[in-house]
Amino acid sequence: MTSGTLTLVSTKDDDLSSLPVVPARHPWRWVGVAFVLVLAAQFVHGLVTNPAWDWPTFARYFTARSILTAVGTTIVLTVLGTALGFALGIVVAVLRMSKSPFLSAVGWTYIWAFRSIPLIVQLLFWFNISYLYQRLSLGVPFGPEFVSFETIALISPMGAAVLGLALHQAAYAAEIVRSGVISVDRGQLEAAAALGIPRFRQFRRIILPQAMRSILPNAANEVISLFKGTSVVSVMAIGELFYQVQVIYGRNARVVALLMVATVWYIILTTLLSIGQHYVERYFARGDRR
């Protein structure tokens, strides 16, 4: 110390750069990895060596024409049920968020009713609509009829399946859309209104792009659930994937192999949907990246 000034002398012990850098060790992590790998290896070994899986039968039917046709029917049911369900769900969500108590009550009642009734009951109801109402008519309520028609040829089994899936899906889609819309900060709408931006443009350019980040994960989950849920229409004797598999193993008694055919097809199509979900989410999240 000289002239009132404190001089610090660096020593080798104080030089942090000379200290060795030791990476964190996680021995139990590697134990867990080894345990999972052993289980996976045992599972794969059992699939390959256990003759009960009956892989020759699996290979025979996996690309059979009847199975491919059933896969196509399953895809059609999923696409139509999703498109119509979300189109109606958007309308129900708008009703649910309406400032009119009557319209809001209508939207809430629809969601409550179709979420409460099991899907299989709804499908059987539409499938047997001609038993409940033999004839429908259009005219003055409680008055003269202008047009009437028989219901026995009104809804085919395929039409009943699409209608039931779409109405059921719309109740869940409405809540998904509503949750996405209300997640957008209201201050942005107030700022847009102050700038004189029309309401439709506010929804299209401000609300929807931000709401989609919240809507897409839940919507994709619902689509995947609907894709697997189409197996319920097998009660209506529609030739979708699960029904066709049941028909085949009912004839040859190869239950496990045919169930694996359906399982692998479900896994493939679900994987494709998940990949599509990833790219769509990335597209709508492009403005939120850092």
Protein backbone atom coordinates (compact mmCIF):
# COMPACT_ATOMS: atom_id res chain seq x y z
CA MET A 1 0.00 0.00 0.00
CA THR A 2 1.56 3.30 -1.13
CA SER A 3 0.26 6.89 -1.10
CA GLY A 4 -3.15 5.81 0.16
CA THR A 5 -3.69 3.54 -2.83
CA LEU A 6 -4.51 -0.10 -2.33
CA THR A 7 -2.82 -2.32 -4.85
CA LEU A 8 -4.17 -5.84 -5.36
CA VAL A 9 -1.64 -8.40 -6.38
CA SER A 10 -3.04 -11.27 -8.43
CA THR A 11 -1.82 -14.69 -7.52
CA LYS A 12 -2.06 -17.92 -9.35
CA ASP A 13 -4.67 -19.17 -6.91
CA ASP A 14 -6.89 -16.17 -7.69
CA ASP A 15 -6.80 -16.75 -11.45
CA LEU A 16 -10.10 -18.53 -12.17
CA SER A 17 -9.07 -19.30 -15.72
CA SER A 18 -6.56 -21.77 -14.43
CA LEU A 19 -9.22 -23.85 -12.67
CA PRO A 20 -10.19 -27.08 -14.45
CA VAL A 21 -13.73 -27.28 -15.87
CA VAL A 22 -15.41 -30.52 -14.91
CA PRO A 23 -18.72 -31.39 -16.63
CA ALA A 24 -21.66 -32.30 -14.42
CA ARG A 25 -21.99 -36.02 -13.96
CA HIS A 26 -25.36 -37.75 -14.07
CA PRO A 27 -24.75 -41.42 -13.31
CA TRP A 28 -28.43 -42.21 -12.62
CA ARG A 29 -29.42 -40.75 -15.99
CA TRP A 30 -27.28 -43.35 -17.72
CA VAL A 31 -28.74 -46.05 -15.51
CA GLY A 32 -32.22 -44.98 -16.61
CA VAL A 33 -31.18 -44.94 -20.27
CA ALA A 34 -29.71 -48.43 -19.97
CA PHE A 35 -32.85 -49.71 -18.25
CA VAL A 36 -35.12 -48.33 -20.99
CA LEU A 37 -32.87 -49.72 -23.74
CA VAL A 38 -32.95 -53.17 -22.16
CA LEU A 39 -36.76 -53.08 -21.94
CA ALA A 40 -37.00 -51.91 -25.56
CA ALA A 41 -34.64 -54.65 -26.70
CA GLN A 42 -36.66 -57.29 -24.84
CA PHE A 43 -39.88 -56.00 -26.39
CA VAL A 44 -38.47 -56.04 -29.93
CA HIS A 45 -36.98 -59.49 -29.33
CA GLY A 46 -40.39 -60.76 -28.22
CA LEU A 47 -42.04 -59.29 -31.31
CA VAL A 48 -39.55 -61.01 -33.60
CA THR A 49 -39.24 -64.40 -31.92
CA ASN A 50 -42.72 -65.02 -30.48
CA PRO A 51 -44.70 -66.99 -33.10
CA ALA A 52 -48.00 -65.95 -31.50
CA TRP A 53 -47.71 -62.55 -33.20
CA ASP A 54 -48.20 -64.38 -36.51
CA TRP A 55 -46.25 -61.98 -38.73
CA PRO A 56 -46.85 -63.97 -41.96
CA THR A 57 -50.59 -63.34 -41.57
CA PHE A 58 -49.87 -59.70 -40.76
CA ALA A 59 -47.83 -59.33 -43.98
CA ARG A 60 -50.55 -61.05 -45.98
CA TYR A 61 -53.34 -58.70 -44.92
CA PHE A 62 -51.50 -55.42 -44.28
CA THR A 63 -51.77 -54.30 -47.91
CA ALA A 64 -54.81 -56.38 -48.86
CA ARG A 65 -57.33 -54.58 -51.03
CA SER A 66 -60.09 -54.82 -48.41
CA ILE A 67 -57.80 -53.30 -45.77
CA LEU A 68 -56.67 -50.46 -48.05
CA THR A 69 -60.30 -49.71 -48.92
CA ALA A 70 -61.13 -49.64 -45.21
CA VAL A 71 -58.21 -47.28 -44.56
CA GLY A 72 -59.59 -44.98 -47.26
CA THR A 73 -63.03 -45.05 -45.61
CA THR A 74 -61.46 -44.18 -42.25
CA ILE A 75 -59.61 -41.23 -43.80
CA VAL A 76 -62.81 -39.99 -45.50
CA LEU A 77 -64.73 -40.17 -42.21
CA THR A 78 -61.96 -38.29 -40.43
CA VAL A 79 -61.66 -35.55 -43.07
CA LEU A 80 -65.42 -34.98 -43.38
CA GLY A 81 -66.00 -35.17 -39.63
CA THR A 82 -63.16 -32.71 -38.98
CA ALA A 83 -64.10 -30.23 -41.72
CA LEU A 84 -67.80 -30.14 -40.91
CA GLY A 85 -67.18 -30.33 -37.16
CA PHE A 86 -64.80 -27.37 -37.04
CA ALA A 87 -66.93 -25.34 -39.47
CA LEU A 88 -69.93 -25.80 -37.18
CA GLY A 89 -67.72 -25.42 -34.12
CA ILE A 90 -66.63 -21.94 -35.22
CA VAL A 91 -70.29 -20.92 -35.50
CA VAL A 92 -71.06 -22.36 -32.06
CA ALA A 93 -68.01 -20.59 -30.60
CA VAL A 94 -69.23 -17.27 -32.03
CA LEU A 95 -72.64 -17.89 -30.46
CA ARG A 96 -71.00 -18.82 -27.17
CA MET A 97 -69.02 -15.55 -27.12
CA SER A 98 -71.94 -13.41 -28.27
CA LYS A 99 -73.00 -10.50 -26.09
CA SER A 100 -76.60 -11.60 -26.61
CA PRO A 101 -77.71 -13.76 -23.65
CA PHE A 102 -80.01 -15.74 -25.94
CA LEU A 103 -77.32 -16.59 -28.52
CA SER A 104 -74.80 -17.34 -25.79
CA ALA A 105 -77.31 -19.70 -24.15
CA VAL A 106 -77.91 -21.47 -27.48
CA GLY A 107 -74.17 -22.03 -27.92
CA TRP A 108 -73.73 -23.22 -24.33
CA THR A 109 -76.69 -25.62 -24.63
CA TYR A 110 -75.32 -27.16 -27.81
CA ILE A 111 -71.91 -27.75 -26.22
CA TRP A 112 -73.47 -29.15 -23.05
CA ALA A 113 -75.77 -31.53 -24.92
CA PHE A 114 -73.30 -33.01 -27.40
CA ARG A 115 -70.51 -33.35 -24.85
CA SER A 116 -72.85 -35.13 -22.45
CA ILE A 117 -74.20 -37.76 -24.84
CA PRO A 118 -71.76 -40.58 -25.70
CA LEU A 119 -70.66 -40.66 -29.33
CA ILE A 120 -71.90 -44.19 -29.89
CA VAL A 121 -75.39 -43.16 -28.72
CA GLN A 122 -75.41 -40.21 -31.13
CA LEU A 123 -74.34 -42.43 -34.02
CA LEU A 124 -77.02 -45.02 -33.30
CA PHE A 125 -79.61 -42.24 -32.96
CA TRP A 126 -78.89 -40.86 -36.45
CA PHE A 127 -78.61 -44.38 -37.85
CA ASN A 128 -82.13 -45.17 -36.56
CA ILE A 129 -83.69 -41.79 -37.29
CA SER A 130 -86.24 -43.39 -39.62
CA TYR A 131 -87.51 -45.52 -36.72
CA LEU A 132 -88.19 -42.43 -34.61
CA TYR A 133 -89.53 -40.21 -37.42
CA GLN A 134 -90.93 -42.08 -40.40
CA ARG A 135 -91.74 -38.85 -42.25
CA LEU A 136 -90.49 -35.25 -42.08
CA SER A 137 -92.29 -32.25 -43.49
CA LEU A 138 -91.77 -28.55 -44.10
CA GLY A 139 -94.57 -26.05 -43.61
CA VAL A 140 -96.27 -23.84 -41.06
CA PRO A 141 -95.63 -25.03 -37.48
CA PHE A 142 -98.74 -26.87 -36.26
CA GLY A 143 -100.33 -25.95 -39.60
CA PRO A 144 -100.43 -27.07 -43.22
CA GLU A 145 -97.51 -28.97 -44.71
CA PHE A 146 -95.89 -27.83 -47.96
CA VAL A 147 -93.28 -30.55 -48.54
CA SER A 148 -92.92 -33.97 -46.93
CA PHE A 149 -90.59 -36.92 -47.47
CA GLU A 150 -89.85 -40.33 -46.01
CA THR A 151 -86.82 -40.54 -43.73
CA ILE A 152 -85.98 -44.15 -44.51
CA ALA A 153 -83.93 -43.07 -47.53
CA LEU A 154 -82.89 -39.67 -46.14
CA ILE A 155 -79.70 -40.65 -44.31
CA SER A 156 -77.47 -43.51 -45.43
CA PRO A 157 -75.26 -45.32 -42.91
CA MET A 158 -72.25 -43.34 -44.16
CA GLY A 159 -74.20 -40.09 -43.94
CA ALA A 160 -75.34 -40.93 -40.43
CA ALA A 161 -71.74 -41.63 -39.42
CA VAL A 162 -70.45 -38.34 -40.86
CA LEU A 163 -73.32 -36.40 -39.32
CA GLY A 164 -72.83 -37.95 -35.90
CA LEU A 165 -69.05 -37.45 -35.94
CA ALA A 166 -69.37 -33.84 -37.14
CA LEU A 167 -71.99 -32.82 -34.57
CA HIS A 168 -70.02 -34.47 -31.79
CA GLN A 169 -66.76 -32.90 -32.94
CA ALA A 170 -68.34 -29.44 -33.23
CA ALA A 171 -69.01 -29.28 -29.49
CA TYR A 172 -65.33 -29.80 -28.68
CA ALA A 173 -64.13 -27.65 -31.58
CA ALA A 174 -66.24 -24.76 -30.33
CA GLU A 175 -64.50 -24.75 -26.96
CA ILE A 176 -61.08 -25.07 -28.60
CA VAL A 177 -61.77 -22.08 -30.85
CA ARG A 178 -63.23 -20.08 -27.98
CA SER A 179 -60.21 -20.75 -25.76
CA GLY A 180 -57.88 -19.60 -28.54
CA VAL A 181 -59.80 -16.39 -29.19
CA ILE A 182 -60.06 -15.36 -25.54
CA SER A 183 -56.31 -15.97 -25.11
CA VAL A 184 -55.60 -12.93 -27.33
CA ASP A 185 -54.99 -9.75 -25.37
CA ARG A 186 -58.07 -7.52 -25.58
CA GLY A 187 -55.85 -4.46 -25.63
CA GLN A 188 -54.82 -5.29 -29.18
CA LEU A 189 -58.43 -5.20 -30.32
CA GLU A 190 -58.96 -1.89 -28.59
CA ALA A 191 -55.90 -0.48 -30.34
CA ALA A 192 -57.13 -1.82 -33.70
CA ALA A 193 -60.56 -0.30 -33.12
CA ALA A 194 -58.95 3.04 -32.26
CA LEU A 195 -57.11 2.91 -35.59
CA GLY A 196 -60.39 2.35 -37.41
CA ILE A 197 -59.64 -1.19 -38.61
CA PRO A 198 -62.88 -3.01 -39.59
CA ARG A 199 -64.01 -5.78 -37.27
CA PHE A 200 -63.65 -8.53 -39.88
CA ARG A 201 -60.09 -7.45 -40.61
CA GLN A 202 -59.38 -7.34 -36.88
CA PHE A 203 -60.44 -10.97 -36.62
CA ARG A 204 -58.59 -12.08 -39.76
CA ARG A 205 -55.33 -10.16 -39.30
CA ILE A 206 -55.02 -9.75 -35.54
CA ILE A 207 -57.08 -12.28 -33.59
CA LEU A 208 -56.86 -15.38 -35.78
CA PRO A 209 -53.06 -15.52 -36.34
CA GLN A 210 -52.43 -15.25 -32.60
CA ALA A 211 -55.31 -17.52 -31.60
CA MET A 212 -54.07 -20.25 -33.94
CA ARG A 213 -51.01 -20.80 -31.75
CA SER A 214 -53.36 -21.82 -28.94
CA ILE A 215 -55.92 -23.55 -31.15
CA LEU A 216 -53.65 -25.77 -33.22
CA PRO A 217 -52.24 -28.14 -30.53
CA ASN A 218 -55.69 -28.86 -29.12
CA ALA A 219 -57.29 -29.03 -32.56
CA ALA A 220 -54.68 -31.49 -33.80
CA ASN A 221 -55.24 -33.60 -30.71
CA GLU A 222 -58.96 -33.67 -31.45
CA VAL A 223 -58.36 -34.64 -35.07
CA ILE A 224 -56.15 -37.54 -34.00
CA SER A 225 -58.74 -38.60 -31.43
CA LEU A 226 -61.45 -38.44 -34.09
CA PHE A 227 -59.31 -40.48 -36.46
CA LYS A 228 -59.08 -43.28 -33.91
CA GLY A 229 -62.66 -42.65 -32.78
CA THR A 230 -63.99 -43.55 -36.21
CA SER A 231 -63.70 -47.17 -35.04
CA VAL A 232 -66.93 -46.53 -33.14
CA VAL A 233 -68.87 -46.47 -36.42
CA SER A 234 -68.21 -50.21 -36.68
CA VAL A 235 -71.48 -50.63 -34.74
CA MET A 236 -73.22 -49.33 -37.89
CA ALA A 237 -71.57 -51.98 -40.11
CA ILE A 238 -69.59 -49.37 -42.05
CA GLY A 239 -66.46 -50.80 -43.65
CA GLU A 240 -63.87 -48.67 -41.89
CA LEU A 241 -60.56 -50.11 -40.72
CA PHE A 242 -61.54 -51.64 -37.39
CA TYR A 243 -64.78 -53.10 -38.76
CA GLN A 244 -62.97 -54.70 -41.69
CA VAL A 245 -60.37 -56.20 -39.37
CA GLN A 246 -63.16 -57.67 -37.23
CA VAL A 247 -64.78 -59.20 -40.30
CA ILE A 248 -61.53 -60.85 -41.39
CA TYR A 249 -60.50 -62.28 -38.02
CA GLY A 250 -64.09 -63.44 -37.54
CA ARG A 251 -63.51 -65.72 -40.53
CA ASN A 252 -59.94 -66.91 -40.00
CA ALA A 253 -59.60 -66.51 -36.18
CA ARG A 254 -56.23 -64.70 -36.57
CA VAL A 255 -57.18 -62.09 -34.00
CA VAL A 256 -53.75 -60.85 -32.91
CA ALA A 257 -52.31 -60.53 -36.41
CA LEU A 258 -55.34 -58.62 -37.71
CA LEU A 259 -55.39 -56.33 -34.68
CA MET A 260 -51.72 -55.57 -35.38
CA VAL A 261 -52.68 -54.67 -38.95
CA ALA A 262 -55.14 -52.08 -37.64
CA THR A 263 -52.68 -50.89 -35.00
CA VAL A 264 -49.84 -50.29 -37.45
CA TRP A 265 -52.13 -48.43 -39.87
CA TYR A 266 -53.38 -46.23 -37.02
CA ILE A 267 -49.78 -45.53 -35.98
CA ILE A 268 -48.75 -44.63 -39.54
CA LEU A 269 -51.63 -42.25 -40.15
CA THR A 270 -51.37 -40.70 -36.69
CA THR A 271 -47.66 -40.10 -37.30
CA LEU A 272 -48.43 -38.37 -40.60
CA LEU A 273 -50.99 -36.17 -38.86
CA SER A 274 -48.45 -35.31 -36.16
CA ILE A 275 -45.87 -34.33 -38.78
CA GLY A 276 -48.41 -32.11 -40.50
CA GLN A 277 -49.28 -30.57 -37.14
CA HIS A 278 -45.62 -29.72 -36.57
CA TYR A 279 -45.27 -27.80 -39.83
CA VAL A 280 -48.59 -25.97 -39.46
CA GLU A 281 -47.69 -24.92 -35.91
CA ARG A 282 -44.29 -23.75 -37.10
CA TYR A 283 -45.95 -21.67 -39.83
CA PHE A 284 -48.26 -19.85 -37.41
CA ALA A 285 -45.49 -19.42 -34.81
CA ARG A 286 -43.03 -17.82 -37.24
CA GLY A 287 -43.70 -14.33 -35.85
CA ASP A 288 -43.11 -15.50 -32.29
CA ARG A 289 -39.61 -16.94 -32.78
CA ARG A 290 -36.59 -15.44 -31.14
